[in-house]
Amino acid sequence: MKRMRLWKRASGVLKDRYRIWVAKVSPYGPCRNPDLETLIIKATSHDEQCMDYKNVQRVFQWLRTSPLYLKPLLCGLSMRIQRTRSWVVALKGLMLTHGVYSFDLPMVQSMGRLPFDLSHFSDGHLSPEKGWVFNAFVRSYFAYLDQRSVILREEANKLQNKKGKESEEIPLIEELKNLEELQKLIDMLLQIKPKSEMSMKIVLILEAMDCVMDEILEVYGKFSKEINRVLLRVCDIGGKEEACIGLDIIRKAQLQGDKLSLYFDFCREIGVLNKSECPNILRINEEEIEELKRIKNKDEEKAIVVRNDYEQLKNGLKTTVITDQWEVFVDDVIVDVQQHVPNVTTLCVIHTNNPFVDECYSSVPYDPVQNYELPDLISL
């Protein structure tokens, strides 16, 4: 077992040295910077002991120097991660990418999807029985960062479109959708966790969990701050649709609160979270919940009243009465049809609501034409 570990470590060192040599002899270009690529390889080495934070800070120093280095940084990072079969290199690359998002740069916010894909990552040096734990951790971490990058781009586009319109208030539906997006991010963050006792003891996994925990505290803190303000707006100006969405968000927030409590307990057990860092779980005021239910039920009652009025109106619309001798249209008039009269059919008006009908013409005799033959129009 020790020989296998030594061989694996030596093999990783040789691979890193070879990649560094290839990077140094590569030509400079708009997307290539050999010096920066060398630092990226060192920061994402095959050493699973811990992250090389010294070289990580050197990479970030290039980005602080000029935003123009973002493109070669992403290109070098993408080439490094895309070709690797090591969960260590992949995880270090994700942690480095996560750090890049801490820079408030327009190019970072408008990047969109990540420049690499680890959604189907599989370690090529471990058996499936041992590797699935690390594969799941890498995939879930990538899924969150990729979704987060997409949301950042959407927010950047919204801010760009609202330039010069700062005085306009954000539509309520849009704010509710933003809360739903935050809840999706929280769900994805809760999926990032070591799933075996062996992985809980690896330092690199615990360092990645520190990054994840910082992200949870930020996203959940933002959600807790926004939901109270948005729900107050729903209670003030919201309708049935907004109230329904608000109630769904509250139900999901209550479920997420229970999951977060368990997640924080788990993180404390593995030494990632301190009691002082643990945030308070969000509790929605019952009065706000009842107010949202009242708004929803109030609109439903209005819909029922409108439906009943429509049914009454529908029943009072023009109807047609067919007899074997003539046809009568009834429009707000109650009639009495006297049948079994051989020659004359009498239409007796009992009541009328039509103000344009003179009362003196309340009864009109009708003498049907007997034995009337239709002309032959074809022969004419």
Protein backbone atom coordinates (compact mmCIF):
# COMPACT_ATOMS: atom_id res chain seq x y z
CA MET A 1 0.00 0.00 0.00
CA LYS A 2 2.80 2.42 0.87
CA ARG A 3 4.58 1.59 -2.39
CA MET A 4 1.39 2.38 -4.30
CA ARG A 5 1.09 5.75 -2.58
CA LEU A 6 4.76 6.59 -3.20
CA TRP A 7 4.45 5.61 -6.84
CA LYS A 8 1.27 7.66 -7.24
CA ARG A 9 2.91 10.68 -5.64
CA ALA A 10 6.05 10.36 -7.76
CA SER A 11 3.95 9.94 -10.89
CA GLY A 12 2.03 13.12 -10.06
CA VAL A 13 5.23 15.09 -9.53
CA LEU A 14 6.59 13.93 -12.88
CA LYS A 15 3.37 14.93 -14.65
CA ASP A 16 3.44 18.38 -13.09
CA ARG A 17 7.08 18.94 -14.07
CA TYR A 18 6.36 17.88 -17.62
CA ARG A 19 3.40 20.27 -17.88
CA ILE A 20 5.49 23.10 -16.47
CA TRP A 21 8.19 22.45 -19.07
CA VAL A 22 5.57 22.42 -21.88
CA ALA A 23 4.10 25.68 -20.59
CA LYS A 24 7.48 27.42 -20.46
CA VAL A 25 8.34 26.59 -24.07
CA SER A 26 4.87 27.60 -25.33
CA PRO A 27 4.63 30.87 -27.29
CA TYR A 28 2.93 33.94 -25.90
CA GLY A 29 -0.42 34.94 -27.35
CA PRO A 30 -3.78 36.57 -26.52
CA CYS A 31 -4.84 33.42 -24.66
CA ARG A 32 -1.42 32.08 -23.65
CA ASN A 33 0.91 33.32 -20.93
CA PRO A 34 3.61 30.73 -20.05
CA ASP A 35 4.48 32.38 -16.74
CA LEU A 36 0.87 32.43 -15.63
CA GLU A 37 0.30 28.86 -16.81
CA THR A 38 3.29 27.74 -14.77
CA LEU A 39 1.75 29.21 -11.62
CA ILE A 40 -1.60 27.57 -12.42
CA ILE A 41 0.05 24.15 -12.71
CA LYS A 42 1.83 24.63 -9.40
CA ALA A 43 -1.36 25.81 -7.70
CA THR A 44 -3.26 22.76 -9.01
CA SER A 45 -0.57 20.11 -8.47
CA HIS A 46 -1.24 16.40 -7.92
CA ASP A 47 -0.28 16.68 -4.27
CA GLU A 48 -3.41 15.80 -2.33
CA GLN A 49 -2.02 16.93 1.03
CA CYS A 50 -3.29 20.50 0.72
CA MET A 51 -3.77 23.47 -1.59
CA ASP A 52 -0.65 25.43 -2.57
CA TYR A 53 -1.97 28.79 -1.35
CA LYS A 54 1.34 30.52 -2.03
CA ASN A 55 1.05 29.95 -5.77
CA VAL A 56 -2.70 30.59 -5.60
CA GLN A 57 -1.98 34.10 -4.31
CA ARG A 58 0.59 34.57 -7.06
CA VAL A 59 -2.07 33.72 -9.65
CA PHE A 60 -4.45 36.23 -8.08
CA GLN A 61 -1.70 38.84 -8.07
CA TRP A 62 -1.61 38.68 -11.88
CA LEU A 63 -5.34 39.32 -11.92
CA ARG A 64 -4.99 42.25 -9.52
CA THR A 65 -2.32 43.72 -11.78
CA SER A 66 -4.63 43.91 -14.77
CA PRO A 67 -8.03 42.45 -15.76
CA LEU A 68 -6.44 41.65 -19.15
CA TYR A 69 -4.84 38.59 -17.56
CA LEU A 70 -8.25 37.04 -16.91
CA LYS A 71 -8.51 35.54 -20.40
CA PRO A 72 -5.11 33.75 -20.37
CA LEU A 73 -5.83 32.68 -16.77
CA LEU A 74 -9.10 31.03 -17.75
CA CYS A 75 -7.54 29.49 -20.86
CA GLY A 76 -4.65 28.01 -18.88
CA LEU A 77 -6.98 26.80 -16.13
CA SER A 78 -9.38 25.29 -18.66
CA MET A 79 -6.61 23.35 -20.44
CA ARG A 80 -5.30 22.14 -17.10
CA ILE A 81 -8.66 20.89 -15.82
CA GLN A 82 -10.11 19.59 -19.07
CA ARG A 83 -7.32 17.10 -19.71
CA THR A 84 -6.85 15.82 -16.15
CA ARG A 85 -8.05 12.46 -14.83
CA SER A 86 -7.10 13.24 -11.24
CA TRP A 87 -9.75 14.30 -8.73
CA VAL A 88 -7.05 16.25 -6.85
CA VAL A 89 -6.21 18.46 -9.85
CA ALA A 90 -9.90 18.87 -10.71
CA LEU A 91 -10.84 19.90 -7.18
CA LYS A 92 -7.92 22.34 -6.88
CA GLY A 93 -8.93 23.83 -10.23
CA LEU A 94 -12.48 24.36 -8.95
CA MET A 95 -11.21 26.00 -5.79
CA LEU A 96 -9.00 28.30 -7.87
CA THR A 97 -11.97 29.13 -10.10
CA HIS A 98 -14.06 29.83 -7.01
CA GLY A 99 -11.43 32.31 -5.87
CA VAL A 100 -11.52 34.11 -9.23
CA TYR A 101 -15.19 34.95 -8.61
CA SER A 102 -14.23 36.94 -5.54
CA PHE A 103 -12.83 39.60 -7.88
CA ASP A 104 -15.41 42.22 -8.74
CA LEU A 105 -14.57 42.33 -12.44
CA PRO A 106 -17.15 42.84 -15.22
CA MET A 107 -15.45 40.17 -17.32
CA VAL A 108 -15.86 37.63 -14.52
CA GLN A 109 -19.51 38.50 -13.94
CA SER A 110 -20.36 38.32 -17.66
CA MET A 111 -18.49 35.07 -18.31
CA GLY A 112 -21.54 32.81 -18.20
CA ARG A 113 -20.87 29.08 -18.25
CA LEU A 114 -17.52 27.86 -17.01
CA PRO A 115 -14.90 27.31 -19.74
CA PHE A 116 -14.62 23.62 -18.83
CA ASP A 117 -17.00 20.77 -18.09
CA LEU A 118 -16.71 18.40 -15.13
CA SER A 119 -20.32 17.26 -15.04
CA HIS A 120 -19.24 13.72 -15.98
CA PHE A 121 -15.85 13.71 -14.32
CA SER A 122 -14.39 10.34 -13.33
CA ASP A 123 -11.02 9.74 -11.71
CA GLY A 124 -8.82 7.54 -13.87
CA HIS A 125 -6.50 6.34 -11.10
CA LEU A 126 -9.00 4.90 -8.62
CA SER A 127 -11.39 1.98 -8.87
CA PRO A 128 -15.08 2.85 -9.18
CA GLU A 129 -15.67 1.56 -5.64
CA LYS A 130 -13.17 4.04 -4.20
CA GLY A 131 -13.42 6.83 -6.73
CA TRP A 132 -17.19 7.49 -6.70
CA VAL A 133 -16.92 9.52 -3.48
CA PHE A 134 -14.43 11.95 -4.99
CA ASN A 135 -16.18 11.99 -8.36
CA ALA A 136 -19.48 12.98 -6.71
CA PHE A 137 -17.78 15.72 -4.71
CA VAL A 138 -16.10 17.20 -7.82
CA ARG A 139 -19.28 17.00 -9.91
CA SER A 140 -21.50 18.65 -7.29
CA TYR A 141 -18.93 21.42 -6.72
CA PHE A 142 -18.68 22.03 -10.46
CA ALA A 143 -22.48 22.06 -10.86
CA TYR A 144 -22.81 24.79 -8.26
CA LEU A 145 -20.04 27.00 -9.66
CA ASP A 146 -21.40 26.61 -13.19
CA GLN A 147 -24.93 27.59 -12.11
CA ARG A 148 -23.57 30.46 -10.05
CA SER A 149 -21.68 31.75 -13.06
CA VAL A 150 -24.86 31.68 -15.16
CA ILE A 151 -26.78 33.64 -12.52
CA LEU A 152 -23.98 36.19 -12.25
CA ARG A 153 -24.19 36.78 -15.98
CA GLU A 154 -27.97 37.23 -15.85
CA GLU A 155 -27.60 39.75 -13.04
CA ALA A 156 -24.89 41.60 -14.97
CA ASN A 157 -27.16 41.80 -18.04
CA LYS A 158 -30.04 43.14 -15.94
CA LEU A 159 -27.82 45.83 -14.45
CA GLN A 160 -26.60 46.75 -17.92
CA ASN A 161 -30.16 47.12 -19.21
CA LYS A 162 -31.17 49.23 -16.19
CA LYS A 163 -28.47 51.83 -16.60
CA GLY A 164 -30.12 55.23 -16.49
CA LYS A 165 -33.25 53.67 -14.95
CA GLU A 166 -32.08 53.46 -11.35
CA SER A 167 -35.22 55.23 -10.15
CA GLU A 168 -37.47 52.46 -11.49
CA GLU A 169 -38.50 49.86 -8.94
CA ILE A 170 -37.80 46.21 -9.67
CA PRO A 171 -41.01 44.32 -10.56
CA LEU A 172 -42.29 42.16 -7.75
CA ILE A 173 -42.39 39.01 -9.90
CA GLU A 174 -38.73 39.49 -10.76
CA GLU A 175 -37.76 39.80 -7.11
CA LEU A 176 -39.65 36.60 -6.31
CA LYS A 177 -37.82 34.80 -9.11
CA ASN A 178 -34.53 36.03 -7.68
CA LEU A 179 -35.45 34.43 -4.36
CA GLU A 180 -36.20 31.17 -6.13
CA GLU A 181 -32.78 31.31 -7.81
CA LEU A 182 -31.12 31.76 -4.43
CA GLN A 183 -33.00 28.75 -3.11
CA LYS A 184 -31.76 26.68 -6.05
CA LEU A 185 -28.19 27.69 -5.23
CA ILE A 186 -28.70 26.70 -1.60
CA ASP A 187 -30.00 23.28 -2.68
CA MET A 188 -26.94 22.77 -4.87
CA LEU A 189 -24.58 23.83 -2.07
CA LEU A 190 -26.14 21.31 0.29
CA GLN A 191 -25.21 18.55 -2.18
CA ILE A 192 -21.49 19.34 -1.76
CA LYS A 193 -20.27 17.21 1.11
CA PRO A 194 -17.92 14.26 1.68
CA LYS A 195 -19.88 11.04 1.56
CA SER A 196 -17.49 8.65 3.31
CA GLU A 197 -15.45 8.63 6.50
CA MET A 198 -12.25 8.31 4.48
CA SER A 199 -12.92 11.50 2.50
CA MET A 200 -13.81 13.38 5.71
CA LYS A 201 -10.22 13.00 6.89
CA ILE A 202 -8.53 14.30 3.73
CA VAL A 203 -7.19 17.81 4.26
CA LEU A 204 -7.89 18.93 0.69
CA ILE A 205 -11.55 17.93 1.02
CA LEU A 206 -11.85 19.87 4.27
CA GLU A 207 -10.26 22.93 2.65
CA ALA A 208 -12.79 22.72 -0.16
CA MET A 209 -15.56 22.45 2.44
CA ASP A 210 -14.31 25.70 3.98
CA CYS A 211 -14.87 27.40 0.61
CA VAL A 212 -18.32 25.82 0.35
CA MET A 213 -19.25 26.89 3.86
CA ASP A 214 -18.25 30.50 3.17
CA GLU A 215 -20.47 30.38 0.09
CA ILE A 216 -23.42 28.99 2.05
CA LEU A 217 -23.13 31.72 4.66
CA GLU A 218 -23.07 34.37 1.92
CA VAL A 219 -25.94 33.00 -0.18
CA TYR A 220 -28.18 32.11 2.76
CA GLY A 221 -27.47 35.45 4.40
CA LYS A 222 -28.50 37.23 1.23
CA PHE A 223 -31.66 35.14 0.95
CA SER A 224 -32.61 35.77 4.59
CA LYS A 225 -32.17 39.49 4.10
CA GLU A 226 -34.15 39.71 0.86
CA ILE A 227 -37.10 37.47 1.70
CA ASN A 228 -38.45 39.67 4.50
CA ARG A 229 -38.40 42.76 2.31
CA VAL A 230 -39.97 40.99 -0.68
CA LEU A 231 -42.74 39.38 1.38
CA LEU A 232 -43.67 42.80 2.76
CA ARG A 233 -44.03 44.03 -0.81
CA VAL A 234 -46.25 41.06 -1.64
CA CYS A 235 -48.48 41.84 1.33
CA ASP A 236 -48.72 45.49 0.24
CA ILE A 237 -49.21 45.30 -3.53
CA GLY A 238 -49.21 41.61 -4.46
CA GLY A 239 -52.02 39.66 -6.05
CA LYS A 240 -52.91 35.99 -6.16
CA GLU A 241 -49.98 34.98 -8.38
CA GLU A 242 -47.43 36.76 -6.19
CA ALA A 243 -49.03 35.35 -3.03
CA CYS A 244 -48.88 31.79 -4.40
CA ILE A 245 -45.21 32.14 -5.32
CA GLY A 246 -44.48 33.69 -1.93
CA LEU A 247 -46.14 30.78 -0.11
CA ASP A 248 -44.14 28.29 -2.19
CA ILE A 249 -40.93 30.12 -1.30
CA ILE A 250 -41.86 30.04 2.40
CA ARG A 251 -42.57 26.29 2.32
CA LYS A 252 -39.25 25.62 0.61
CA ALA A 253 -37.44 27.94 3.04
CA GLN A 254 -38.82 25.95 5.97
CA LEU A 255 -37.63 22.67 4.44
CA GLN A 256 -34.25 24.16 3.64
CA GLY A 257 -33.95 25.42 7.21
CA ASP A 258 -34.20 21.86 8.50
CA LYS A 259 -31.67 20.63 5.95
CA LEU A 260 -29.28 23.46 6.79
CA SER A 261 -29.44 22.61 10.49
CA LEU A 262 -28.39 19.04 9.72
CA TYR A 263 -25.71 20.27 7.31
CA PHE A 264 -24.24 22.63 9.90
CA ASP A 265 -24.21 19.85 12.49
CA PHE A 266 -22.35 17.64 10.04
CA CYS A 267 -19.81 20.36 9.29
CA ARG A 268 -19.18 20.92 12.99
CA GLU A 269 -18.53 17.21 13.42
CA ILE A 270 -15.83 17.18 10.75
CA GLY A 271 -14.30 20.42 12.04
CA VAL A 272 -15.33 22.80 9.25
CA LEU A 273 -17.74 25.06 11.13
CA ASN A 274 -17.54 26.74 14.52
CA LYS A 275 -20.56 27.56 16.66
CA SER A 276 -19.77 31.26 16.35
CA GLU A 277 -19.97 31.01 12.54
CA CYS A 278 -23.28 29.16 12.40
CA PRO A 279 -26.04 31.50 11.22
CA ASN A 280 -29.55 31.64 12.62
CA ILE A 281 -32.05 29.60 10.69
CA LEU A 282 -34.70 31.78 9.05
CA ARG A 283 -38.15 31.72 10.66
CA ILE A 284 -41.01 33.37 8.79
CA ASN A 285 -43.52 35.41 10.78
CA GLU A 286 -46.88 33.62 11.01
CA GLU A 287 -48.70 36.90 10.43
CA GLU A 288 -47.06 37.27 7.02
CA ILE A 289 -47.99 33.70 6.10
CA GLU A 290 -51.62 34.29 7.07
CA GLU A 291 -51.67 37.55 5.11
CA LEU A 292 -50.41 35.78 1.98
CA LYS A 293 -53.08 33.09 2.42
CA ARG A 294 -55.71 35.81 2.83
CA ILE A 295 -54.61 37.49 -0.42
CA LYS A 296 -54.67 34.16 -2.24
CA ASN A 297 -58.10 33.16 -0.90
CA LYS A 298 -59.51 36.65 -1.48
CA ASP A 299 -58.68 36.47 -5.18
CA GLU A 300 -60.08 32.95 -5.35
CA GLU A 301 -63.37 34.19 -3.83
CA LYS A 302 -63.49 36.96 -6.42
CA ALA A 303 -62.95 34.39 -9.13
CA ILE A 304 -65.85 32.30 -7.77
CA VAL A 305 -68.17 35.34 -7.71
CA VAL A 306 -67.22 36.25 -11.26
CA ARG A 307 -67.80 32.67 -12.34
CA ASN A 308 -71.23 32.57 -10.71
CA ASP A 309 -72.16 35.88 -12.32
CA TYR A 310 -71.02 34.50 -15.64
CA GLU A 311 -73.16 31.39 -15.19
CA GLN A 312 -76.20 33.53 -14.39
CA LEU A 313 -75.54 35.72 -17.40
CA LYS A 314 -75.03 32.66 -19.52
CA ASN A 315 -78.36 31.20 -18.40
CA GLY A 316 -80.09 34.48 -19.25
CA LEU A 317 -78.76 34.68 -22.80
CA LYS A 318 -80.93 34.41 -25.89
CA THR A 319 -82.50 30.95 -26.28
CA THR A 320 -84.43 29.37 -29.11
CA VAL A 321 -87.83 27.64 -28.82
CA ILE A 322 -88.75 25.33 -31.69
CA THR A 323 -92.32 24.13 -32.34
CA ASP A 324 -93.69 22.07 -35.17
CA GLN A 325 -95.22 25.16 -36.73
CA TRP A 326 -92.88 28.14 -36.01
CA GLU A 327 -89.71 29.31 -34.31
CA VAL A 328 -89.61 31.85 -31.48
CA PHE A 329 -86.52 33.67 -30.12
CA VAL A 330 -86.80 34.61 -26.46
CA ASP A 331 -84.72 37.58 -25.29
CA ASP A 332 -85.50 38.61 -21.72
CA VAL A 333 -89.18 37.76 -22.45
CA ILE A 334 -91.24 35.04 -20.77
CA VAL A 335 -93.70 33.57 -23.26
CA ASP A 336 -96.61 31.18 -23.17
CA VAL A 337 -96.93 29.09 -26.30
CA GLN A 338 -100.46 27.85 -26.90
CA GLN A 339 -100.27 24.74 -28.96
CA HIS A 340 -103.00 22.49 -30.39
CA VAL A 341 -104.62 25.44 -32.17
CA PRO A 342 -105.38 24.38 -35.73
CA ASN A 343 -105.29 27.67 -37.54
CA VAL A 344 -103.81 30.35 -35.37
CA THR A 345 -100.92 30.30 -32.96
CA THR A 346 -101.04 33.05 -30.32
CA LEU A 347 -97.97 34.52 -28.64
CA CYS A 348 -99.06 35.86 -25.27
CA VAL A 349 -96.55 38.11 -23.56
CA ILE A 350 -96.65 37.76 -19.79
CA HIS A 351 -93.71 40.01 -18.78
CA THR A 352 -91.07 42.11 -20.45
CA ASN A 353 -87.93 43.88 -19.24
CA ASN A 354 -87.29 45.71 -22.48
CA PRO A 355 -87.83 49.49 -21.94
CA PHE A 356 -88.02 50.07 -25.70
CA VAL A 357 -91.23 48.04 -26.05
CA ASP A 358 -94.46 50.00 -25.78
CA GLU A 359 -96.87 48.41 -23.32
CA CYS A 360 -99.76 48.87 -25.74
CA TYR A 361 -98.16 46.30 -28.02
CA SER A 362 -97.83 43.69 -25.34
CA SER A 363 -99.78 41.11 -27.42
CA VAL A 364 -99.19 40.46 -31.14
CA PRO A 365 -101.34 37.95 -33.03
CA TYR A 366 -99.59 35.74 -35.54
CA ASP A 367 -101.35 34.16 -38.53
CA PRO A 368 -99.07 31.67 -40.27
CA VAL A 369 -99.29 31.21 -44.03
CA GLN A 370 -100.88 27.92 -44.89
CA ASN A 371 -99.71 25.60 -47.68
CA TYR A 372 -96.88 27.85 -48.88
CA GLU A 373 -94.63 26.24 -51.42
CA LEU A 374 -91.00 27.40 -51.98
CA PRO A 375 -90.25 28.52 -55.52
CA ASP A 376 -87.93 26.51 -57.70
CA LEU A 377 -84.86 28.77 -57.64
CA ILE A 378 -82.80 26.51 -59.88
CA SER A 379 -85.18 26.70 -62.80
CA LEU A 380 -85.56 30.49 -62.54
